[in-house]
PDB file of N, CA and C in Angstrom:
ATOM      1  N   MET A   1      53.137  38.556   0.823  1.00  0.00           N
ATOM      2  CA  MET A   1      52.636  36.826   0.332  1.00  0.00           C
ATOM      3  C   MET A   1      53.699  36.800  -0.632  1.00  0.00           C
ATOM      4  N   GLY A   2      54.688  35.421  -0.357  1.00  0.00           N
ATOM      5  CA  GLY A   2      55.580  35.131  -1.063  1.00  0.00           C
ATOM      6  C   GLY A   2      55.208  34.308  -2.452  1.00  0.00           C
ATOM      7  N   ALA A   3      56.142  33.943  -2.986  1.00  0.00           N
ATOM      8  CA  ALA A   3      56.091  33.161  -4.260  1.00  0.00           C
ATOM      9  C   ALA A   3      55.638  31.832  -3.855  1.00  0.00           C
ATOM     10  N   GLU A   4      56.287  31.170  -3.058  1.00  0.00           N
ATOM     11  CA  GLU A   4      55.631  29.987  -2.414  1.00  0.00           C
ATOM     12  C   GLU A   4      53.940  30.188  -2.157  1.00  0.00           C
ATOM     13  N   ALA A   5      53.273  31.008  -1.642  1.00  0.00           N
ATOM     14  CA  ALA A   5      52.052  31.050  -1.311  1.00  0.00           C
ATOM     15  C   ALA A   5      51.031  31.282  -2.520  1.00  0.00           C
ATOM     16  N   ILE A   6      51.803  31.968  -3.580  1.00  0.00           N
ATOM     17  CA  ILE A   6      51.005  31.865  -4.745  1.00  0.00           C
ATOM     18  C   ILE A   6      50.645  31.023  -5.486  1.00  0.00           C
ATOM     19  N   LEU A   7      51.946  30.242  -5.579  1.00  0.00           N
ATOM     20  CA  LEU A   7      52.194  28.593  -6.515  1.00  0.00           C
ATOM     21  C   LEU A   7      51.670  27.542  -6.216  1.00  0.00           C
ATOM     22  N   SER A   8      51.774  27.979  -4.408  1.00  0.00           N
ATOM     23  CA  SER A   8      50.379  26.464  -3.817  1.00  0.00           C
ATOM     24  C   SER A   8      49.332  26.720  -4.041  1.00  0.00           C
ATOM     25  N   GLY A   9      48.371  28.206  -4.122  1.00  0.00           N
ATOM     26  CA  GLY A   9      47.679  28.634  -4.667  1.00  0.00           C
ATOM     27  C   GLY A   9      47.288  27.917  -5.848  1.00  0.00           C
ATOM     28  N   LEU A  10      48.105  28.371  -6.656  1.00  0.00           N
ATOM     29  CA  LEU A  10      48.070  28.175  -8.321  1.00  0.00           C
ATOM     30  C   LEU A  10      47.532  26.520  -8.274  1.00  0.00           C
ATOM     31  N   GLN A  11      48.566  25.798  -7.410  1.00  0.00           N
ATOM     32  CA  GLN A  11      48.599  24.172  -7.661  1.00  0.00           C
ATOM     33  C   GLN A  11      47.201  23.547  -7.192  1.00  0.00           C
ATOM     34  N   VAL A  12      46.615  24.096  -6.164  1.00  0.00           N
ATOM     35  CA  VAL A  12      44.883  23.911  -5.479  1.00  0.00           C
ATOM     36  C   VAL A  12      44.409  24.262  -7.089  1.00  0.00           C
ATOM     37  N   VAL A  13      44.691  25.540  -7.434  1.00  0.00           N
ATOM     38  CA  VAL A  13      43.474  26.014  -9.061  1.00  0.00           C
ATOM     39  C   VAL A  13      43.593  24.880 -10.005  1.00  0.00           C
ATOM     40  N   LEU A  14      44.900  24.559  -9.723  1.00  0.00           N
ATOM     41  CA  LEU A  14      45.124  23.858 -11.545  1.00  0.00           C
ATOM     42  C   LEU A  14      44.884  22.237 -10.922  1.00  0.00           C
ATOM     43  N   SER A  15      44.942  21.435  -9.747  1.00  0.00           N
ATOM     44  CA  SER A  15      43.954  20.133  -9.374  1.00  0.00           C
ATOM     45  C   SER A  15      42.405  20.641  -9.235  1.00  0.00           C
ATOM     46  N   VAL A  16      41.995  21.501  -9.497  1.00  0.00           N
ATOM     47  CA  VAL A  16      40.859  21.148  -9.337  1.00  0.00           C
ATOM     48  C   VAL A  16      39.896  21.380 -10.682  1.00  0.00           C
ATOM     49  N   VAL A  17      41.117  22.277 -11.835  1.00  0.00           N
ATOM     50  CA  VAL A  17      41.088  22.173 -12.938  1.00  0.00           C
ATOM     51  C   VAL A  17      41.147  20.686 -13.735  1.00  0.00           C
ATOM     52  N   ILE A  18      42.098  20.474 -13.481  1.00  0.00           N
ATOM     53  CA  ILE A  18      42.267  18.691 -14.090  1.00  0.00           C
ATOM     54  C   ILE A  18      41.162  18.002 -13.732  1.00  0.00           C
ATOM     55  N   ILE A  19      40.550  18.088 -11.987  1.00  0.00           N
ATOM     56  CA  ILE A  19      39.874  17.197 -12.192  1.00  0.00           C
ATOM     57  C   ILE A  19      38.374  16.954 -12.766  1.00  0.00           C
ATOM     58  N   LEU A  20      38.287  18.586 -12.894  1.00  0.00           N
ATOM     59  CA  LEU A  20      36.930  19.032 -13.594  1.00  0.00           C
ATOM     60  C   LEU A  20      37.057  18.372 -15.153  1.00  0.00           C
ATOM     61  N   LEU A  21      38.434  18.925 -15.876  1.00  0.00           N
ATOM     62  CA  LEU A  21      38.776  18.147 -17.116  1.00  0.00           C
ATOM     63  C   LEU A  21      38.354  16.669 -17.462  1.00  0.00           C
ATOM     64  N   VAL A  22      39.153  16.256 -16.289  1.00  0.00           N
ATOM     65  CA  VAL A  22      38.925  14.190 -16.777  1.00  0.00           C
ATOM     66  C   VAL A  22      37.647  13.752 -16.582  1.00  0.00           C
ATOM     67  N   LEU A  23      36.528  15.136 -15.592  1.00  0.00           N
ATOM     68  CA  LEU A  23      34.918  14.157 -15.113  1.00  0.00           C
ATOM     69  C   LEU A  23      34.493  14.491 -16.361  1.00  0.00           C
ATOM     70  N   LEU A  24      34.732  15.794 -17.643  1.00  0.00           N
ATOM     71  CA  LEU A  24      34.002  16.182 -18.656  1.00  0.00           C
ATOM     72  C   LEU A  24      34.235  14.947 -19.697  1.00  0.00           C
ATOM     73  N   HIS A  25      35.587  14.150 -20.133  1.00  0.00           N
ATOM     74  CA  HIS A  25      35.590  13.513 -20.118  1.00  0.00           C
ATOM     75  C   HIS A  25      34.273  11.884 -21.028  1.00  0.00           C
ATOM     76  N   SER A  26      34.877  11.968 -22.436  1.00  0.00           N
ATOM     77  CA  SER A  26      33.246  10.905 -22.119  1.00  0.00           C
ATOM     78  C   SER A  26      34.266   9.289 -22.042  1.00  0.00           C
ATOM     79  N   GLY A  27      33.210   8.582 -21.310  1.00  0.00           N
ATOM     80  CA  GLY A  27      33.917   7.385 -21.136  1.00  0.00           C
ATOM     81  C   GLY A  27      32.819   5.787 -21.446  1.00  0.00           C
ATOM     82  N   LYS A  28      33.011   4.953 -20.787  1.00  0.00           N
ATOM     83  CA  LYS A  28      32.006   3.718 -21.177  1.00  0.00           C
ATOM     84  C   LYS A  28      30.554   4.622 -21.000  1.00  0.00           C
ATOM     85  N   ASP A  29      30.542   4.981 -20.254  1.00  0.00           N
ATOM     86  CA  ASP A  29      28.862   5.254 -19.881  1.00  0.00           C
ATOM     87  C   ASP A  29      28.865   6.778 -20.135  1.00  0.00           C
ATOM     88  N   ALA A  30      29.517   7.299 -20.929  1.00  0.00           N
ATOM     89  CA  ALA A  30      29.453   9.067 -21.266  1.00  0.00           C
ATOM     90  C   ALA A  30      29.949  10.010 -20.263  1.00  0.00           C
ATOM     91  N   GLY A  31      30.126   9.841 -19.152  1.00  0.00           N
ATOM     92  CA  GLY A  31      30.801  10.764 -18.014  1.00  0.00           C
ATOM     93  C   GLY A  31      29.805  11.618 -18.117  1.00  0.00           C
ATOM     94  N   LEU A  32      30.618  12.647 -17.493  1.00  0.00           N
ATOM     95  CA  LEU A  32      29.540  13.946 -17.319  1.00  0.00           C
ATOM     96  C   LEU A  32      29.879  14.911 -18.392  1.00  0.00           C
ATOM     97  N   SER A  33      30.528  14.283 -19.664  1.00  0.00           N
ATOM     98  CA  SER A  33      30.530  15.234 -20.743  1.00  0.00           C
ATOM     99  C   SER A  33      29.100  15.274 -21.740  1.00  0.00           C
ATOM    100  N   GLY A  34      28.142  13.933 -21.443  1.00  0.00           N
ATOM    101  CA  GLY A  34      27.006  13.974 -22.108  1.00  0.00           C
ATOM    102  C   GLY A  34      25.960  14.764 -21.123  1.00  0.00           C
ATOM    103  N   ALA A  35      26.115  14.789 -20.008  1.00  0.00           N
ATOM    104  CA  ALA A  35      25.143  15.937 -19.138  1.00  0.00           C
ATOM    105  C   ALA A  35      25.764  17.499 -19.628  1.00  0.00           C
ATOM    106  N   PHE A  36      26.665  17.820 -20.308  1.00  0.00           N
ATOM    107  CA  PHE A  36      26.554  18.874 -20.281  1.00  0.00           C
ATOM    108  C   PHE A  36      26.963  19.020 -22.345  1.00  0.00           C
ATOM    109  N   GLY A  37      26.442  17.730 -22.806  1.00  0.00           N
ATOM    110  CA  GLY A  37      26.117  17.605 -24.632  1.00  0.00           C
ATOM    111  C   GLY A  37      27.207  18.222 -25.517  1.00  0.00           C
ATOM    112  N   VAL A  38      28.884  17.456 -24.580  1.00  0.00           N
ATOM    113  CA  VAL A  38      29.609  17.634 -25.953  1.00  0.00           C
ATOM    114  C   VAL A  38      29.721  16.167 -26.664  1.00  0.00           C
ATOM    115  N   GLY A  39      29.558  15.744 -26.260  1.00  0.00           N
ATOM    116  CA  GLY A  39      28.973  14.305 -27.274  1.00  0.00           C
ATOM    117  C   GLY A  39      27.942  14.217 -28.224  1.00  0.00           C
ATOM    118  N   THR A  40      27.326  15.561 -28.053  1.00  0.00           N
ATOM    119  CA  THR A  40      25.899  15.704 -29.086  1.00  0.00           C
ATOM    120  C   THR A  40      26.207  16.612 -30.356  1.00  0.00           C
ATOM    121  N   GLY A  41      27.187  17.804 -29.829  1.00  0.00           N
ATOM    122  CA  GLY A  41      27.642  18.759 -30.668  1.00  0.00           C
ATOM    123  C   GLY A  41      27.388  19.982 -30.576  1.00  0.00           C
ATOM    124  N   ALA A  42      26.416  19.725 -29.635  1.00  0.00           N
ATOM    125  CA  ALA A  42      25.405  20.972 -29.190  1.00  0.00           C
ATOM    126  C   ALA A  42      26.240  22.134 -27.860  1.00  0.00           C
ATOM    127  N   GLY A  43      27.133  21.230 -27.584  1.00  0.00           N
ATOM    128  CA  GLY A  43      28.116  21.990 -26.110  1.00  0.00           C
ATOM    129  C   GLY A  43      28.727  23.380 -26.650  1.00  0.00           C
ATOM    130  N   PRO A  44      29.294  23.635 -25.563  1.00  0.00           N
ATOM    131  CA  PRO A  44      30.142  24.688 -26.007  1.00  0.00           C
ATOM    132  C   PRO A  44      31.246  24.572 -26.727  1.00  0.00           C
ATOM    133  N   LEU A  45      31.746  23.536 -26.476  1.00  0.00           N
ATOM    134  CA  LEU A  45      33.114  22.979 -27.005  1.00  0.00           C
ATOM    135  C   LEU A  45      33.123  22.820 -28.288  1.00  0.00           C
ATOM    136  N   GLY A  46      32.191  22.545 -29.009  1.00  0.00           N
ATOM    137  CA  GLY A  46      31.839  21.962 -30.396  1.00  0.00           C
ATOM    138  C   GLY A  46      30.669  20.832 -30.529  1.00  0.00           C
ATOM    139  N   GLY A  47      31.528  20.222 -31.787  1.00  0.00           N
ATOM    140  CA  GLY A  47      30.847  18.561 -31.395  1.00  0.00           C
ATOM    141  C   GLY A  47      31.685  17.779 -31.891  1.00  0.00           C
ATOM    142  N   GLY A  48      30.793  16.634 -30.634  1.00  0.00           N
ATOM    143  CA  GLY A  48      31.783  15.218 -30.955  1.00  0.00           C
ATOM    144  C   GLY A  48      33.005  15.197 -31.172  1.00  0.00           C
ATOM    145  N   ALA A  49      33.998  14.478 -32.151  1.00  0.00           N
ATOM    146  CA  ALA A  49      35.410  14.290 -31.775  1.00  0.00           C
ATOM    147  C   ALA A  49      36.368  15.435 -31.686  1.00  0.00           C
ATOM    148  N   TYR A  50      35.693  16.786 -32.321  1.00  0.00           N
ATOM    149  CA  TYR A  50      36.286  18.058 -31.981  1.00  0.00           C
ATOM    150  C   TYR A  50      36.159  18.297 -30.830  1.00  0.00           C
ATOM    151  N   ALA A  51      34.814  18.161 -29.870  1.00  0.00           N
ATOM    152  CA  ALA A  51      35.321  18.577 -28.146  1.00  0.00           C
ATOM    153  C   ALA A  51      35.846  17.475 -27.193  1.00  0.00           C
ATOM    154  N   GLU A  52      36.392  16.087 -28.072  1.00  0.00           N
ATOM    155  CA  GLU A  52      37.009  15.825 -27.219  1.00  0.00           C
ATOM    156  C   GLU A  52      38.570  15.541 -27.534  1.00  0.00           C
ATOM    157  N   ARG A  53      38.894  15.890 -28.796  1.00  0.00           N
ATOM    158  CA  ARG A  53      40.347  16.542 -29.006  1.00  0.00           C
ATOM    159  C   ARG A  53      40.343  17.495 -28.331  1.00  0.00           C
ATOM    160  N   ASN A  54      39.627  18.706 -27.914  1.00  0.00           N
ATOM    161  CA  ASN A  54      40.023  20.290 -27.266  1.00  0.00           C
ATOM    162  C   ASN A  54      40.102  20.109 -26.097  1.00  0.00           C
ATOM    163  N   LEU A  55      38.527  18.920 -25.127  1.00  0.00           N
ATOM    164  CA  LEU A  55      39.166  18.353 -23.767  1.00  0.00           C
ATOM    165  C   LEU A  55      40.204  17.434 -23.417  1.00  0.00           C
ATOM    166  N   THR A  56      40.945  16.827 -24.580  1.00  0.00           N
ATOM    167  CA  THR A  56      42.354  15.883 -24.253  1.00  0.00           C
ATOM    168  C   THR A  56      43.511  16.977 -24.417  1.00  0.00           C
ATOM    169  N   ARG A  57      43.243  17.995 -25.091  1.00  0.00           N
ATOM    170  CA  ARG A  57      44.346  19.154 -25.289  1.00  0.00           C
ATOM    171  C   ARG A  57      44.515  19.837 -23.853  1.00  0.00           C
ATOM    172  N   MET A  58      42.825  20.391 -23.784  1.00  0.00           N
ATOM    173  CA  MET A  58      43.512  21.648 -22.313  1.00  0.00           C
ATOM    174  C   MET A  58      43.778  20.492 -21.245  1.00  0.00           C
ATOM    175  N   THR A  59      42.797  18.813 -21.288  1.00  0.00           N
ATOM    176  CA  THR A  59      43.577  18.568 -19.882  1.00  0.00           C
ATOM    177  C   THR A  59      45.396  17.982 -20.063  1.00  0.00           C
ATOM    178  N   ILE A  60      45.836  17.881 -21.379  1.00  0.00           N
ATOM    179  CA  ILE A  60      47.156  17.366 -21.449  1.00  0.00           C
ATOM    180  C   ILE A  60      48.254  19.112 -20.895  1.00  0.00           C
ATOM    181  N   ILE A  61      47.496  19.989 -21.236  1.00  0.00           N
ATOM    182  CA  ILE A  61      48.229  21.817 -21.014  1.00  0.00           C
ATOM    183  C   ILE A  61      48.318  21.793 -19.715  1.00  0.00           C
ATOM    184  N   ALA A  62      47.344  21.334 -19.098  1.00  0.00           N
ATOM    185  CA  ALA A  62      46.660  21.649 -17.400  1.00  0.00           C
ATOM    186  C   ALA A  62      48.018  20.873 -16.922  1.00  0.00           C
ATOM    187  N   SER A  63      47.976  19.692 -16.903  1.00  0.00           N
ATOM    188  CA  SER A  63      48.566  18.817 -16.415  1.00  0.00           C
ATOM    189  C   SER A  63      50.283  18.834 -16.412  1.00  0.00           C
ATOM    190  N   LEU A  64      49.954  19.462 -17.850  1.00  0.00           N
ATOM    191  CA  LEU A  64      52.065  19.622 -18.112  1.00  0.00           C
ATOM    192  C   LEU A  64      52.145  20.867 -17.168  1.00  0.00           C
ATOM    193  N   ILE A  65      51.258  21.720 -16.637  1.00  0.00           N
ATOM    194  CA  ILE A  65      51.648  23.120 -16.123  1.00  0.00           C
ATOM    195  C   ILE A  65      51.425  22.828 -14.633  1.00  0.00           C
ATOM    196  N   TRP A  66      51.116  21.701 -14.542  1.00  0.00           N
ATOM    197  CA  TRP A  66      50.505  21.315 -13.040  1.00  0.00           C
ATOM    198  C   TRP A  66      51.998  20.739 -12.591  1.00  0.00           C
ATOM    199  N   VAL A  67      52.416  19.553 -13.107  1.00  0.00           N
ATOM    200  CA  VAL A  67      53.976  18.941 -13.173  1.00  0.00           C
ATOM    201  C   VAL A  67      54.973  20.234 -12.733  1.00  0.00           C
ATOM    202  N   VAL A  68      54.951  21.195 -13.616  1.00  0.00           N
ATOM    203  CA  VAL A  68      55.758  22.095 -14.157  1.00  0.00           C
ATOM    204  C   VAL A  68      55.815  22.879 -12.716  1.00  0.00           C
ATOM    205  N   ASN A  69      54.617  23.038 -12.263  1.00  0.00           N
ATOM    206  CA  ASN A  69      54.745  23.779 -10.451  1.00  0.00           C
ATOM    207  C   ASN A  69      55.325  22.893  -9.428  1.00  0.00           C
ATOM    208  N   VAL A  70      54.648  22.061  -9.737  1.00  0.00           N
ATOM    209  CA  VAL A  70      55.262  20.829  -8.474  1.00  0.00           C
ATOM    210  C   VAL A  70      56.617  20.739  -8.399  1.00  0.00           C
ATOM    211  N   ILE A  71      57.582  20.983  -9.541  1.00  0.00           N
ATOM    212  CA  ILE A  71      58.791  20.931  -9.513  1.00  0.00           C
ATOM    213  C   ILE A  71      59.503  22.127  -9.451  1.00  0.00           C
ATOM    214  N   VAL A  72      58.694  23.393  -9.824  1.00  0.00           N
ATOM    215  CA  VAL A  72      59.559  25.048  -9.239  1.00  0.00           C
ATOM    216  C   VAL A  72      59.043  25.003  -7.380  1.00  0.00           C
ATOM    217  N   LEU A  73      58.103  24.177  -7.339  1.00  0.00           N
ATOM    218  CA  LEU A  73      57.340  24.428  -5.980  1.00  0.00           C
ATOM    219  C   LEU A  73      59.113  23.587  -5.280  1.00  0.00           C
ATOM    220  N   LEU A  74      58.606  22.605  -5.460  1.00  0.00           N
ATOM    221  CA  LEU A  74      59.963  21.494  -4.890  1.00  0.00           C
ATOM    222  C   LEU A  74      61.520  22.389  -4.879  1.00  0.00           C
ATOM    223  N   LYS A  75      61.794  23.098  -5.913  1.00  0.00           N
ATOM    224  CA  LYS A  75      62.889  23.669  -6.005  1.00  0.00           C
ATOM    225  C   LYS A  75      63.321  24.937  -4.643  1.00  0.00           C
ATOM    226  N   ILE A  76      61.539  25.560  -4.481  1.00  0.00           N
ATOM    227  CA  ILE A  76      62.074  26.820  -3.778  1.00  0.00           C
ATOM    228  C   ILE A  76      61.891  26.372  -2.118  1.00  0.00           C
ATOM    229  N   ALA A  77      61.123  25.422  -1.694  1.00  0.00           N
ATOM    230  CA  ALA A  77      60.956  25.089  -0.751  1.00  0.00           C
ATOM    231  C   ALA A  77      61.811  24.324   0.091  1.00  0.00           C
TER     232      ALA A  77
END
């Protein structure tokens, strides 16, 4: 199993994680975050604005890792 295969698998996993993180953000209609109690203060990520900040940070970090992974994949391909 080569490095390209591992990085390609990581790319798929990161893509799914980013999709889920974006869907968890509350929007105009509270999105999926309302379903998991993120906006109520009762969720696993803390309460209200704190949870939104954490979701934003996790989304940014996952996105940056995704971009770096794309660049590495382009360089080794």
